[in-house]
């Protein structure tokens, strides 16, 4: 058993999602696809300041996480957001932050005095 497995599955899932979302290139790809409001055919690397190989690695991470879908048509791949998975991620993130949000703790109670 790994140390990660000692934690409840919802925390493991949240951590994995946060890891996938922790790179600005991946966030940029998701944002670009969302703003496009359509599947993108062609080279997404033209939209990012990264090499095609690096962009493809980030696309693979997003696809493995289920956040995007890619379909092959000839020599091109069409990428688009996976709306069902995006909604699941939003719910997971909301649940996590709702669980740690507390109205009873104020920032003043957490301040430390440094001498």
PDB file of N, CA and C in Angstrom:
ATOM      1  N   UNK A   1       0.847  -1.178   0.000  1.00  0.00           N
ATOM      2  CA  UNK A   1       0.000   0.000   0.000  1.00  0.00           C
ATOM      3  C   UNK A   1       0.892   1.241   0.000  1.00  0.00           C
ATOM      4  N   UNK A   2       0.580   2.190  -0.872  1.00  0.00           N
ATOM      5  CA  UNK A   2       1.328   3.442  -0.908  1.00  0.00           C
ATOM      6  C   UNK A   2       0.729   4.418   0.095  1.00  0.00           C
ATOM      7  N   UNK A   3       1.489   5.431   0.423  1.00  0.00           N
ATOM      8  CA  UNK A   3       0.992   6.426   1.369  1.00  0.00           C
ATOM      9  C   UNK A   3      -0.246   7.139   0.843  1.00  0.00           C
ATOM     10  N   UNK A   4      -0.313   7.345  -0.455  1.00  0.00           N
ATOM     11  CA  UNK A   4      -1.483   8.001  -1.054  1.00  0.00           C
ATOM     12  C   UNK A   4      -2.742   7.195  -0.784  1.00  0.00           C
ATOM     13  N   UNK A   5      -2.619   5.883  -0.821  1.00  0.00           N
ATOM     14  CA  UNK A   5      -3.779   5.012  -0.620  1.00  0.00           C
ATOM     15  C   UNK A   5      -4.320   5.074   0.803  1.00  0.00           C
ATOM     16  N   UNK A   6      -3.579   5.671   1.727  1.00  0.00           N
ATOM     17  CA  UNK A   6      -4.040   5.810   3.096  1.00  0.00           C
ATOM     18  C   UNK A   6      -5.126   6.881   3.230  1.00  0.00           C
ATOM     19  N   UNK A   7      -5.272   7.707   2.213  1.00  0.00           N
ATOM     20  CA  UNK A   7      -6.244   8.793   2.258  1.00  0.00           C
ATOM     21  C   UNK A   7      -7.534   8.374   1.567  1.00  0.00           C
ATOM     22  N   UNK A   8      -8.623   9.004   1.970  1.00  0.00           N
ATOM     23  CA  UNK A   8      -9.917   8.654   1.392  1.00  0.00           C
ATOM     24  C   UNK A   8      -9.929   8.922  -0.111  1.00  0.00           C
ATOM     25  N   UNK A   9     -10.736   8.167  -0.823  1.00  0.00           N
ATOM     26  CA  UNK A   9     -10.728   8.205  -2.287  1.00  0.00           C
ATOM     27  C   UNK A   9     -11.094   9.575  -2.838  1.00  0.00           C
ATOM     28  N   UNK A  10     -11.972  10.308  -2.161  1.00  0.00           N
ATOM     29  CA  UNK A  10     -12.343  11.639  -2.665  1.00  0.00           C
ATOM     30  C   UNK A  10     -11.148  12.586  -2.633  1.00  0.00           C
ATOM     31  N   UNK A  11     -10.296  12.466  -1.638  1.00  0.00           N
ATOM     32  CA  UNK A  11      -9.087  13.299  -1.582  1.00  0.00           C
ATOM     33  C   UNK A  11      -8.072  12.863  -2.627  1.00  0.00           C
ATOM     34  N   UNK A  12      -7.974  11.565  -2.872  1.00  0.00           N
ATOM     35  CA  UNK A  12      -7.077  11.073  -3.914  1.00  0.00           C
ATOM     36  C   UNK A  12      -7.511  11.605  -5.277  1.00  0.00           C
ATOM     37  N   UNK A  13      -8.819  11.554  -5.531  1.00  0.00           N
ATOM     38  CA  UNK A  13      -9.333  12.047  -6.807  1.00  0.00           C
ATOM     39  C   UNK A  13      -9.097  13.546  -6.953  1.00  0.00           C
ATOM     40  N   UNK A  14      -9.373  14.298  -5.900  1.00  0.00           N
ATOM     41  CA  UNK A  14      -9.168  15.751  -5.952  1.00  0.00           C
ATOM     42  C   UNK A  14      -7.693  16.065  -6.200  1.00  0.00           C
ATOM     43  N   UNK A  15      -6.798  15.364  -5.522  1.00  0.00           N
ATOM     44  CA  UNK A  15      -5.364  15.603  -5.695  1.00  0.00           C
ATOM     45  C   UNK A  15      -4.926  15.326  -7.124  1.00  0.00           C
ATOM     46  N   UNK A  16      -5.450  14.252  -7.705  1.00  0.00           N
ATOM     47  CA  UNK A  16      -5.093  13.918  -9.084  1.00  0.00           C
ATOM     48  C   UNK A  16      -5.587  14.993 -10.051  1.00  0.00           C
ATOM     49  N   UNK A  17      -6.795  15.471  -9.838  1.00  0.00           N
ATOM     50  CA  UNK A  17      -7.332  16.541 -10.690  1.00  0.00           C
ATOM     51  C   UNK A  17      -6.525  17.818 -10.542  1.00  0.00           C
ATOM     52  N   UNK A  18      -6.201  18.167  -9.294  1.00  0.00           N
ATOM     53  CA  UNK A  18      -5.424  19.383  -9.076  1.00  0.00           C
ATOM     54  C   UNK A  18      -4.052  19.263  -9.737  1.00  0.00           C
ATOM     55  N   UNK A  19      -3.489  18.071  -9.726  1.00  0.00           N
ATOM     56  CA  UNK A  19      -2.190  17.852 -10.363  1.00  0.00           C
ATOM     57  C   UNK A  19      -2.288  18.080 -11.871  1.00  0.00           C
ATOM     58  N   UNK A  20      -3.330  17.540 -12.479  1.00  0.00           N
ATOM     59  CA  UNK A  20      -3.509  17.721 -13.925  1.00  0.00           C
ATOM     60  C   UNK A  20      -3.715  19.199 -14.247  1.00  0.00           C
ATOM     61  N   UNK A  21      -4.431  19.901 -13.388  1.00  0.00           N
ATOM     62  CA  UNK A  21      -4.736  21.307 -13.630  1.00  0.00           C
ATOM     63  C   UNK A  21      -3.635  22.253 -13.153  1.00  0.00           C
ATOM     64  N   UNK A  22      -2.532  21.716 -12.652  1.00  0.00           N
ATOM     65  CA  UNK A  22      -1.505  22.555 -12.046  1.00  0.00           C
ATOM     66  C   UNK A  22      -0.532  23.200 -13.029  1.00  0.00           C
ATOM     67  N   UNK A  23      -0.698  22.940 -14.297  1.00  0.00           N
ATOM     68  CA  UNK A  23       0.226  23.522 -15.277  1.00  0.00           C
ATOM     69  C   UNK A  23      -0.503  24.593 -16.098  1.00  0.00           C
ATOM     70  N   UNK A  24       0.101  25.776 -16.241  1.00  0.00           N
ATOM     71  CA  UNK A  24      -0.569  26.841 -16.992  1.00  0.00           C
ATOM     72  C   UNK A  24      -0.850  26.496 -18.453  1.00  0.00           C
ATOM     73  N   UNK A  25      -0.035  25.647 -19.052  1.00  0.00           N
ATOM     74  CA  UNK A  25      -0.294  25.253 -20.447  1.00  0.00           C
ATOM     75  C   UNK A  25      -1.605  24.475 -20.537  1.00  0.00           C
ATOM     76  N   UNK A  26      -1.849  23.594 -19.575  1.00  0.00           N
ATOM     77  CA  UNK A  26      -3.084  22.803 -19.592  1.00  0.00           C
ATOM     78  C   UNK A  26      -4.290  23.690 -19.345  1.00  0.00           C
ATOM     79  N   UNK A  27      -4.137  24.637 -18.434  1.00  0.00           N
ATOM     80  CA  UNK A  27      -5.235  25.580 -18.194  1.00  0.00           C
ATOM     81  C   UNK A  27      -5.495  26.419 -19.444  1.00  0.00           C
ATOM     82  N   UNK A  28      -4.430  26.805 -20.115  1.00  0.00           N
ATOM     83  CA  UNK A  28      -4.560  27.590 -21.341  1.00  0.00           C
ATOM     84  C   UNK A  28      -5.279  26.792 -22.432  1.00  0.00           C
ATOM     85  N   UNK A  29      -4.948  25.520 -22.550  1.00  0.00           N
ATOM     86  CA  UNK A  29      -5.612  24.662 -23.540  1.00  0.00           C
ATOM     87  C   UNK A  29      -7.099  24.549 -23.223  1.00  0.00           C
ATOM     88  N   UNK A  30      -7.424  24.306 -21.963  1.00  0.00           N
ATOM     89  CA  UNK A  30      -8.839  24.198 -21.574  1.00  0.00           C
ATOM     90  C   UNK A  30      -9.580  25.497 -21.857  1.00  0.00           C
ATOM     91  N   UNK A  31      -8.952  26.607 -21.519  1.00  0.00           N
ATOM     92  CA  UNK A  31      -9.575  27.914 -21.751  1.00  0.00           C
ATOM     93  C   UNK A  31      -9.772  28.162 -23.249  1.00  0.00           C
ATOM     94  N   UNK A  32      -8.770  27.839 -24.034  1.00  0.00           N
ATOM     95  CA  UNK A  32      -8.855  28.017 -25.483  1.00  0.00           C
ATOM     96  C   UNK A  32      -9.997  27.187 -26.069  1.00  0.00           C
ATOM     97  N   UNK A  33     -10.094  25.937 -25.648  1.00  0.00           N
ATOM     98  CA  UNK A  33     -11.175  25.082 -26.147  1.00  0.00           C
ATOM     99  C   UNK A  33     -12.539  25.593 -25.693  1.00  0.00           C
ATOM    100  N   UNK A  34     -12.610  26.098 -24.468  1.00  0.00           N
ATOM    101  CA  UNK A  34     -13.880  26.628 -23.961  1.00  0.00           C
ATOM    102  C   UNK A  34     -14.299  27.880 -24.719  1.00  0.00           C
ATOM    103  N   UNK A  35     -13.355  28.752 -24.987  1.00  0.00           N
ATOM    104  CA  UNK A  35     -13.662  29.982 -25.711  1.00  0.00           C
ATOM    105  C   UNK A  35     -14.016  29.716 -27.168  1.00  0.00           C
ATOM    106  N   UNK A  36     -13.452  28.658 -27.729  1.00  0.00           N
ATOM    107  CA  UNK A  36     -13.720  28.313 -29.124  1.00  0.00           C
ATOM    108  C   UNK A  36     -15.148  27.811 -29.313  1.00  0.00           C
ATOM    109  N   UNK A  37     -15.709  27.234 -28.251  1.00  0.00           N
ATOM    110  CA  UNK A  37     -17.078  26.707 -28.270  1.00  0.00           C
ATOM    111  C   UNK A  37     -17.318  25.701 -29.393  1.00  0.00           C
ATOM    112  N   UNK A  38     -16.251  25.060 -29.831  1.00  0.00           N
ATOM    113  CA  UNK A  38     -16.361  24.048 -30.875  1.00  0.00           C
ATOM    114  C   UNK A  38     -15.156  23.122 -30.771  1.00  0.00           C
ATOM    115  N   UNK A  39     -15.204  22.034 -31.467  1.00  0.00           N
ATOM    116  CA  UNK A  39     -14.033  21.166 -31.523  1.00  0.00           C
ATOM    117  C   UNK A  39     -12.987  21.805 -32.421  1.00  0.00           C
ATOM    118  N   UNK A  40     -11.754  21.706 -32.007  1.00  0.00           N
ATOM    119  CA  UNK A  40     -10.652  22.316 -32.744  1.00  0.00           C
ATOM    120  C   UNK A  40      -9.959  21.255 -33.573  1.00  0.00           C
ATOM    121  N   UNK A  41      -9.903  21.486 -34.836  1.00  0.00           N
ATOM    122  CA  UNK A  41      -9.195  20.599 -35.736  1.00  0.00           C
ATOM    123  C   UNK A  41      -7.907  21.293 -36.128  1.00  0.00           C
ATOM    124  N   UNK A  42      -6.824  20.598 -36.029  1.00  0.00           N
ATOM    125  CA  UNK A  42      -5.567  21.200 -36.427  1.00  0.00           C
ATOM    126  C   UNK A  42      -4.614  21.324 -35.267  1.00  0.00           C
ATOM    127  N   UNK A  43      -3.734  22.281 -35.366  1.00  0.00           N
ATOM    128  CA  UNK A  43      -2.606  22.397 -34.472  1.00  0.00           C
ATOM    129  C   UNK A  43      -2.862  23.420 -33.374  1.00  0.00           C
ATOM    130  N   UNK A  44      -3.155  22.952 -32.176  1.00  0.00           N
ATOM    131  CA  UNK A  44      -3.375  23.835 -31.038  1.00  0.00           C
ATOM    132  C   UNK A  44      -2.064  24.507 -30.628  1.00  0.00           C
ATOM    133  N   UNK A  45      -0.935  23.920 -30.988  1.00  0.00           N
ATOM    134  CA  UNK A  45       0.351  24.499 -30.600  1.00  0.00           C
ATOM    135  C   UNK A  45       0.568  25.878 -31.217  1.00  0.00           C
ATOM    136  N   UNK A  46      -0.173  26.202 -32.260  1.00  0.00           N
ATOM    137  CA  UNK A  46      -0.063  27.545 -32.836  1.00  0.00           C
ATOM    138  C   UNK A  46      -0.614  28.599 -31.888  1.00  0.00           C
ATOM    139  N   UNK A  47      -1.416  28.186 -30.929  1.00  0.00           N
ATOM    140  CA  UNK A  47      -2.030  29.101 -29.970  1.00  0.00           C
ATOM    141  C   UNK A  47      -1.215  29.254 -28.690  1.00  0.00           C
ATOM    142  N   UNK A  48      -0.199  28.434 -28.505  1.00  0.00           N
ATOM    143  CA  UNK A  48       0.579  28.439 -27.274  1.00  0.00           C
ATOM    144  C   UNK A  48       2.058  28.669 -27.574  1.00  0.00           C
ATOM    145  N   UNK A  49       2.781  29.249 -26.613  1.00  0.00           N
ATOM    146  CA  UNK A  49       4.215  29.495 -26.826  1.00  0.00           C
ATOM    147  C   UNK A  49       5.070  28.266 -26.496  1.00  0.00           C
ATOM    148  N   UNK A  50       4.617  27.109 -26.961  1.00  0.00           N
ATOM    149  CA  UNK A  50       5.311  25.855 -26.688  1.00  0.00           C
ATOM    150  C   UNK A  50       5.463  25.065 -27.972  1.00  0.00           C
ATOM    151  N   UNK A  51       6.391  24.126 -27.971  1.00  0.00           N
ATOM    152  CA  UNK A  51       6.576  23.291 -29.148  1.00  0.00           C
ATOM    153  C   UNK A  51       5.383  22.347 -29.311  1.00  0.00           C
ATOM    154  N   UNK A  52       5.218  21.852 -30.507  1.00  0.00           N
ATOM    155  CA  UNK A  52       4.134  20.920 -30.813  1.00  0.00           C
ATOM    156  C   UNK A  52       4.224  19.671 -29.928  1.00  0.00           C
ATOM    157  N   UNK A  53       5.430  19.174 -29.722  1.00  0.00           N
ATOM    158  CA  UNK A  53       5.621  17.989 -28.888  1.00  0.00           C
ATOM    159  C   UNK A  53       5.169  18.239 -27.458  1.00  0.00           C
ATOM    160  N   UNK A  54       5.535  19.381 -26.913  1.00  0.00           N
ATOM    161  CA  UNK A  54       5.143  19.728 -25.545  1.00  0.00           C
ATOM    162  C   UNK A  54       3.634  19.893 -25.434  1.00  0.00           C
ATOM    163  N   UNK A  55       3.031  20.553 -26.400  1.00  0.00           N
ATOM    164  CA  UNK A  55       1.573  20.718 -26.400  1.00  0.00           C
ATOM    165  C   UNK A  55       0.895  19.350 -26.471  1.00  0.00           C
ATOM    166  N   UNK A  56       1.414  18.469 -27.294  1.00  0.00           N
ATOM    167  CA  UNK A  56       0.835  17.117 -27.394  1.00  0.00           C
ATOM    168  C   UNK A  56       0.915  16.367 -26.070  1.00  0.00           C
ATOM    169  N   UNK A  57       1.998  16.553 -25.336  1.00  0.00           N
ATOM    170  CA  UNK A  57       2.110  15.917 -24.018  1.00  0.00           C
ATOM    171  C   UNK A  57       1.034  16.447 -23.071  1.00  0.00           C
ATOM    172  N   UNK A  58       0.799  17.754 -23.112  1.00  0.00           N
ATOM    173  CA  UNK A  58      -0.235  18.350 -22.261  1.00  0.00           C
ATOM    174  C   UNK A  58      -1.634  17.899 -22.708  1.00  0.00           C
ATOM    175  N   UNK A  59      -1.835  17.801 -24.001  1.00  0.00           N
ATOM    176  CA  UNK A  59      -3.116  17.294 -24.502  1.00  0.00           C
ATOM    177  C   UNK A  59      -3.359  15.866 -24.023  1.00  0.00           C
ATOM    178  N   UNK A  60      -2.316  15.050 -24.023  1.00  0.00           N
ATOM    179  CA  UNK A  60      -2.445  13.670 -23.543  1.00  0.00           C
ATOM    180  C   UNK A  60      -2.809  13.623 -22.068  1.00  0.00           C
ATOM    181  N   UNK A  61      -2.207  14.489 -21.258  1.00  0.00           N
ATOM    182  CA  UNK A  61      -2.549  14.544 -19.830  1.00  0.00           C
ATOM    183  C   UNK A  61      -4.020  14.913 -19.646  1.00  0.00           C
ATOM    184  N   UNK A  62      -4.471  15.909 -20.396  1.00  0.00           N
ATOM    185  CA  UNK A  62      -5.874  16.337 -20.302  1.00  0.00           C
ATOM    186  C   UNK A  62      -6.822  15.254 -20.789  1.00  0.00           C
ATOM    187  N   UNK A  63      -6.412  14.568 -21.840  1.00  0.00           N
ATOM    188  CA  UNK A  63      -7.245  13.488 -22.380  1.00  0.00           C
ATOM    189  C   UNK A  63      -7.298  12.313 -21.406  1.00  0.00           C
ATOM    190  N   UNK A  64      -6.155  11.955 -20.814  1.00  0.00           N
ATOM    191  CA  UNK A  64      -6.119  10.864 -19.840  1.00  0.00           C
ATOM    192  C   UNK A  64      -6.984  11.162 -18.621  1.00  0.00           C
ATOM    193  N   UNK A  65      -7.089  12.431 -18.266  1.00  0.00           N
ATOM    194  CA  UNK A  65      -7.926  12.835 -17.144  1.00  0.00           C
ATOM    195  C   UNK A  65      -9.395  12.933 -17.545  1.00  0.00           C
ATOM    196  N   UNK A  66      -9.661  12.773 -18.840  1.00  0.00           N
ATOM    197  CA  UNK A  66     -11.033  12.821 -19.322  1.00  0.00           C
ATOM    198  C   UNK A  66     -11.572  14.220 -19.524  1.00  0.00           C
ATOM    199  N   UNK A  67     -10.711  15.234 -19.399  1.00  0.00           N
ATOM    200  CA  UNK A  67     -11.174  16.616 -19.513  1.00  0.00           C
ATOM    201  C   UNK A  67     -11.424  17.036 -20.955  1.00  0.00           C
ATOM    202  N   UNK A  68     -10.707  16.418 -21.873  1.00  0.00           N
ATOM    203  CA  UNK A  68     -10.920  16.700 -23.292  1.00  0.00           C
ATOM    204  C   UNK A  68     -11.144  15.393 -24.030  1.00  0.00           C
ATOM    205  N   UNK A  69     -11.729  15.532 -25.192  1.00  0.00           N
ATOM    206  CA  UNK A  69     -11.949  14.395 -26.079  1.00  0.00           C
ATOM    207  C   UNK A  69     -11.209  14.678 -27.375  1.00  0.00           C
ATOM    208  N   UNK A  70     -10.677  13.648 -27.955  1.00  0.00           N
ATOM    209  CA  UNK A  70     -10.008  13.795 -29.233  1.00  0.00           C
ATOM    210  C   UNK A  70     -10.444  12.701 -30.174  1.00  0.00           C
ATOM    211  N   UNK A  71     -10.847  13.104 -31.357  1.00  0.00           N
ATOM    212  CA  UNK A  71     -11.224  12.130 -32.368  1.00  0.00           C
ATOM    213  C   UNK A  71     -10.347  12.339 -33.594  1.00  0.00           C
ATOM    214  N   UNK A  72      -9.926  11.246 -34.186  1.00  0.00           N
ATOM    215  CA  UNK A  72      -9.043  11.309 -35.344  1.00  0.00           C
ATOM    216  C   UNK A  72      -9.886  11.302 -36.610  1.00  0.00           C
ATOM    217  N   UNK A  73      -9.608  12.268 -37.469  1.00  0.00           N
ATOM    218  CA  UNK A  73     -10.236  12.338 -38.791  1.00  0.00           C
ATOM    219  C   UNK A  73      -9.123  12.506 -39.808  1.00  0.00           C
ATOM    220  N   UNK A  74      -8.770  11.430 -40.447  1.00  0.00           N
ATOM    221  CA  UNK A  74      -7.659  11.468 -41.393  1.00  0.00           C
ATOM    222  C   UNK A  74      -6.361  11.680 -40.659  1.00  0.00           C
ATOM    223  N   UNK A  75      -5.650  12.754 -41.017  1.00  0.00           N
ATOM    224  CA  UNK A  75      -4.386  13.046 -40.360  1.00  0.00           C
ATOM    225  C   UNK A  75      -4.550  14.066 -39.235  1.00  0.00           C
ATOM    226  N   UNK A  76      -5.768  14.564 -39.022  1.00  0.00           N
ATOM    227  CA  UNK A  76      -6.024  15.578 -38.004  1.00  0.00           C
ATOM    228  C   UNK A  76      -6.746  14.970 -36.814  1.00  0.00           C
ATOM    229  N   UNK A  77      -6.553  15.604 -35.669  1.00  0.00           N
ATOM    230  CA  UNK A  77      -7.276  15.226 -34.465  1.00  0.00           C
ATOM    231  C   UNK A  77      -8.147  16.409 -34.071  1.00  0.00           C
ATOM    232  N   UNK A  78      -9.414  16.142 -33.828  1.00  0.00           N
ATOM    233  CA  UNK A  78     -10.337  17.167 -33.354  1.00  0.00           C
ATOM    234  C   UNK A  78     -10.400  17.088 -31.836  1.00  0.00           C
ATOM    235  N   UNK A  79     -10.121  18.206 -31.170  1.00  0.00           N
ATOM    236  CA  UNK A  79     -10.164  18.250 -29.716  1.00  0.00           C
ATOM    237  C   UNK A  79     -11.309  19.140 -29.265  1.00  0.00           C
ATOM    238  N   UNK A  80     -11.978  18.699 -28.217  1.00  0.00           N
ATOM    239  CA  UNK A  80     -12.997  19.527 -27.585  1.00  0.00           C
ATOM    240  C   UNK A  80     -13.100  19.135 -26.117  1.00  0.00           C
ATOM    241  N   UNK A  81     -13.727  20.017 -25.352  1.00  0.00           N
ATOM    242  CA  UNK A  81     -13.928  19.728 -23.945  1.00  0.00           C
ATOM    243  C   UNK A  81     -14.897  18.568 -23.791  1.00  0.00           C
ATOM    244  N   UNK A  82     -14.738  17.829 -22.708  1.00  0.00           N
ATOM    245  CA  UNK A  82     -15.689  16.789 -22.344  1.00  0.00           C
ATOM    246  C   UNK A  82     -16.590  17.410 -21.274  1.00  0.00           C
ATOM    247  N   UNK A  83     -17.766  17.903 -21.667  1.00  0.00           N
ATOM    248  CA  UNK A  83     -18.602  18.660 -20.719  1.00  0.00           C
ATOM    249  C   UNK A  83     -19.027  17.855 -19.496  1.00  0.00           C
ATOM    250  N   UNK A  84     -19.268  16.574 -19.649  1.00  0.00           N
ATOM    251  CA  UNK A  84     -19.653  15.759 -18.494  1.00  0.00           C
ATOM    252  C   UNK A  84     -18.525  15.697 -17.471  1.00  0.00           C
ATOM    253  N   UNK A  85     -17.313  15.497 -17.961  1.00  0.00           N
ATOM    254  CA  UNK A  85     -16.159  15.412 -17.052  1.00  0.00           C
ATOM    255  C   UNK A  85     -15.850  16.771 -16.434  1.00  0.00           C
ATOM    256  N   UNK A  86     -15.987  17.837 -17.219  1.00  0.00           N
ATOM    257  CA  UNK A  86     -15.767  19.189 -16.682  1.00  0.00           C
ATOM    258  C   UNK A  86     -16.741  19.434 -15.534  1.00  0.00           C
ATOM    259  N   UNK A  87     -17.995  19.058 -15.707  1.00  0.00           N
ATOM    260  CA  UNK A  87     -18.986  19.226 -14.640  1.00  0.00           C
ATOM    261  C   UNK A  87     -18.626  18.406 -13.406  1.00  0.00           C
ATOM    262  N   UNK A  88     -18.113  17.196 -13.606  1.00  0.00           N
ATOM    263  CA  UNK A  88     -17.671  16.367 -12.477  1.00  0.00           C
ATOM    264  C   UNK A  88     -16.518  17.042 -11.732  1.00  0.00           C
ATOM    265  N   UNK A  89     -15.594  17.624 -12.479  1.00  0.00           N
ATOM    266  CA  UNK A  89     -14.443  18.295 -11.870  1.00  0.00           C
ATOM    267  C   UNK A  89     -14.907  19.497 -11.065  1.00  0.00           C
ATOM    268  N   UNK A  90     -15.821  20.273 -11.625  1.00  0.00           N
ATOM    269  CA  UNK A  90     -16.359  21.432 -10.909  1.00  0.00           C
ATOM    270  C   UNK A  90     -17.016  20.980  -9.611  1.00  0.00           C
ATOM    271  N   UNK A  91     -17.780  19.905  -9.675  1.00  0.00           N
ATOM    272  CA  UNK A  91     -18.440  19.381  -8.475  1.00  0.00           C
ATOM    273  C   UNK A  91     -17.414  18.900  -7.448  1.00  0.00           C
ATOM    274  N   UNK A  92     -16.384  18.206  -7.902  1.00  0.00           N
ATOM    275  CA  UNK A  92     -15.334  17.733  -7.001  1.00  0.00           C
ATOM    276  C   UNK A  92     -14.643  18.903  -6.322  1.00  0.00           C
ATOM    277  N   UNK A  93     -14.309  19.921  -7.093  1.00  0.00           N
ATOM    278  CA  UNK A  93     -13.623  21.086  -6.530  1.00  0.00           C
ATOM    279  C   UNK A  93     -14.540  21.837  -5.566  1.00  0.00           C
ATOM    280  N   UNK A  94     -15.788  22.024  -5.945  1.00  0.00           N
ATOM    281  CA  UNK A  94     -16.733  22.699  -5.061  1.00  0.00           C
ATOM    282  C   UNK A  94     -16.902  21.933  -3.754  1.00  0.00           C
ATOM    283  N   UNK A  95     -17.035  20.618  -3.840  1.00  0.00           N
ATOM    284  CA  UNK A  95     -17.181  19.800  -2.634  1.00  0.00           C
ATOM    285  C   UNK A  95     -15.959  19.930  -1.738  1.00  0.00           C
ATOM    286  N   UNK A  96     -14.786  19.881  -2.329  1.00  0.00           N
ATOM    287  CA  UNK A  96     -13.560  19.994  -1.538  1.00  0.00           C
ATOM    288  C   UNK A  96     -13.511  21.342  -0.819  1.00  0.00           C
ATOM    289  N   UNK A  97     -13.716  22.420  -1.564  1.00  0.00           N
ATOM    290  CA  UNK A  97     -13.612  23.739  -0.944  1.00  0.00           C
ATOM    291  C   UNK A  97     -14.755  24.013   0.026  1.00  0.00           C
ATOM    292  N   UNK A  98     -15.925  23.480  -0.239  1.00  0.00           N
ATOM    293  CA  UNK A  98     -17.015  23.606   0.732  1.00  0.00           C
ATOM    294  C   UNK A  98     -16.687  22.872   2.022  1.00  0.00           C
ATOM    295  N   UNK A  99     -16.019  21.729   1.912  1.00  0.00           N
ATOM    296  CA  UNK A  99     -15.638  20.966   3.099  1.00  0.00           C
ATOM    297  C   UNK A  99     -14.621  21.706   3.963  1.00  0.00           C
ATOM    298  N   UNK A 100     -13.728  22.462   3.351  1.00  0.00           N
ATOM    299  CA  UNK A 100     -12.698  23.133   4.145  1.00  0.00           C
ATOM    300  C   UNK A 100     -13.065  24.561   4.492  1.00  0.00           C
ATOM    301  N   UNK A 101     -14.099  25.084   3.888  1.00  0.00           N
ATOM    302  CA  UNK A 101     -14.529  26.446   4.170  1.00  0.00           C
ATOM    303  C   UNK A 101     -15.193  26.467   5.532  1.00  0.00           C
ATOM    304  N   UNK A 102     -14.836  27.453   6.322  1.00  0.00           N
ATOM    305  CA  UNK A 102     -15.424  27.555   7.654  1.00  0.00           C
ATOM    306  C   UNK A 102     -15.802  28.992   7.939  1.00  0.00           C
ATOM    307  N   UNK A 103     -17.026  29.183   8.352  1.00  0.00           N
ATOM    308  CA  UNK A 103     -17.486  30.513   8.728  1.00  0.00           C
ATOM    309  C   UNK A 103     -17.124  30.842  10.173  1.00  0.00           C
ATOM    310  N   UNK A 104     -16.658  29.850  10.929  1.00  0.00           N
ATOM    311  CA  UNK A 104     -16.391  30.072  12.346  1.00  0.00           C
ATOM    312  C   UNK A 104     -14.968  30.503  12.624  1.00  0.00           C
ATOM    313  N   UNK A 105     -14.076  30.364  11.655  1.00  0.00           N
ATOM    314  CA  UNK A 105     -12.686  30.746  11.865  1.00  0.00           C
ATOM    315  C   UNK A 105     -12.406  32.041  11.125  1.00  0.00           C
ATOM    316  N   UNK A 106     -11.937  33.016  11.847  1.00  0.00           N
ATOM    317  CA  UNK A 106     -11.587  34.271  11.197  1.00  0.00           C
ATOM    318  C   UNK A 106     -10.078  34.328  11.013  1.00  0.00           C
ATOM    319  N   UNK A 107      -9.656  35.138  10.111  1.00  0.00           N
ATOM    320  CA  UNK A 107      -8.227  35.280   9.845  1.00  0.00           C
ATOM    321  C   UNK A 107      -7.518  35.850  11.062  1.00  0.00           C
ATOM    322  N   UNK A 108      -8.209  36.650  11.869  1.00  0.00           N
ATOM    323  CA  UNK A 108      -7.582  37.219  13.063  1.00  0.00           C
ATOM    324  C   UNK A 108      -7.190  36.139  14.059  1.00  0.00           C
ATOM    325  N   UNK A 109      -7.946  35.051  14.122  1.00  0.00           N
ATOM    326  CA  UNK A 109      -7.630  33.967  15.039  1.00  0.00           C
ATOM    327  C   UNK A 109      -6.397  33.191  14.597  1.00  0.00           C
ATOM    328  N   UNK A 110      -6.005  33.335  13.355  1.00  0.00           N
ATOM    329  CA  UNK A 110      -4.880  32.560  12.816  1.00  0.00           C
ATOM    330  C   UNK A 110      -3.581  33.344  12.783  1.00  0.00           C
ATOM    331  N   UNK A 111      -3.624  34.631  13.056  1.00  0.00           N
ATOM    332  CA  UNK A 111      -2.408  35.443  12.975  1.00  0.00           C
ATOM    333  C   UNK A 111      -1.472  35.114  14.126  1.00  0.00           C
ATOM    334  N   UNK A 112      -0.206  35.084  13.791  1.00  0.00           N
ATOM    335  CA  UNK A 112       0.821  34.839  14.801  1.00  0.00           C
ATOM    336  C   UNK A 112       1.609  36.119  15.020  1.00  0.00           C
ATOM    337  N   UNK A 113       2.055  36.330  16.214  1.00  0.00           N
ATOM    338  CA  UNK A 113       2.885  37.482  16.516  1.00  0.00           C
ATOM    339  C   UNK A 113       4.339  37.080  16.393  1.00  0.00           C
ATOM    340  N   UNK A 114       5.080  37.848  15.635  1.00  0.00           N
ATOM    341  CA  UNK A 114       6.518  37.592  15.470  1.00  0.00           C
ATOM    342  C   UNK A 114       7.260  38.651  16.254  1.00  0.00           C
ATOM    343  N   UNK A 115       8.102  38.203  17.179  1.00  0.00           N
ATOM    344  CA  UNK A 115       8.875  39.140  18.000  1.00  0.00           C
ATOM    345  C   UNK A 115      10.219  39.393  17.386  1.00  0.00           C
TER     346      UNK A 115
END
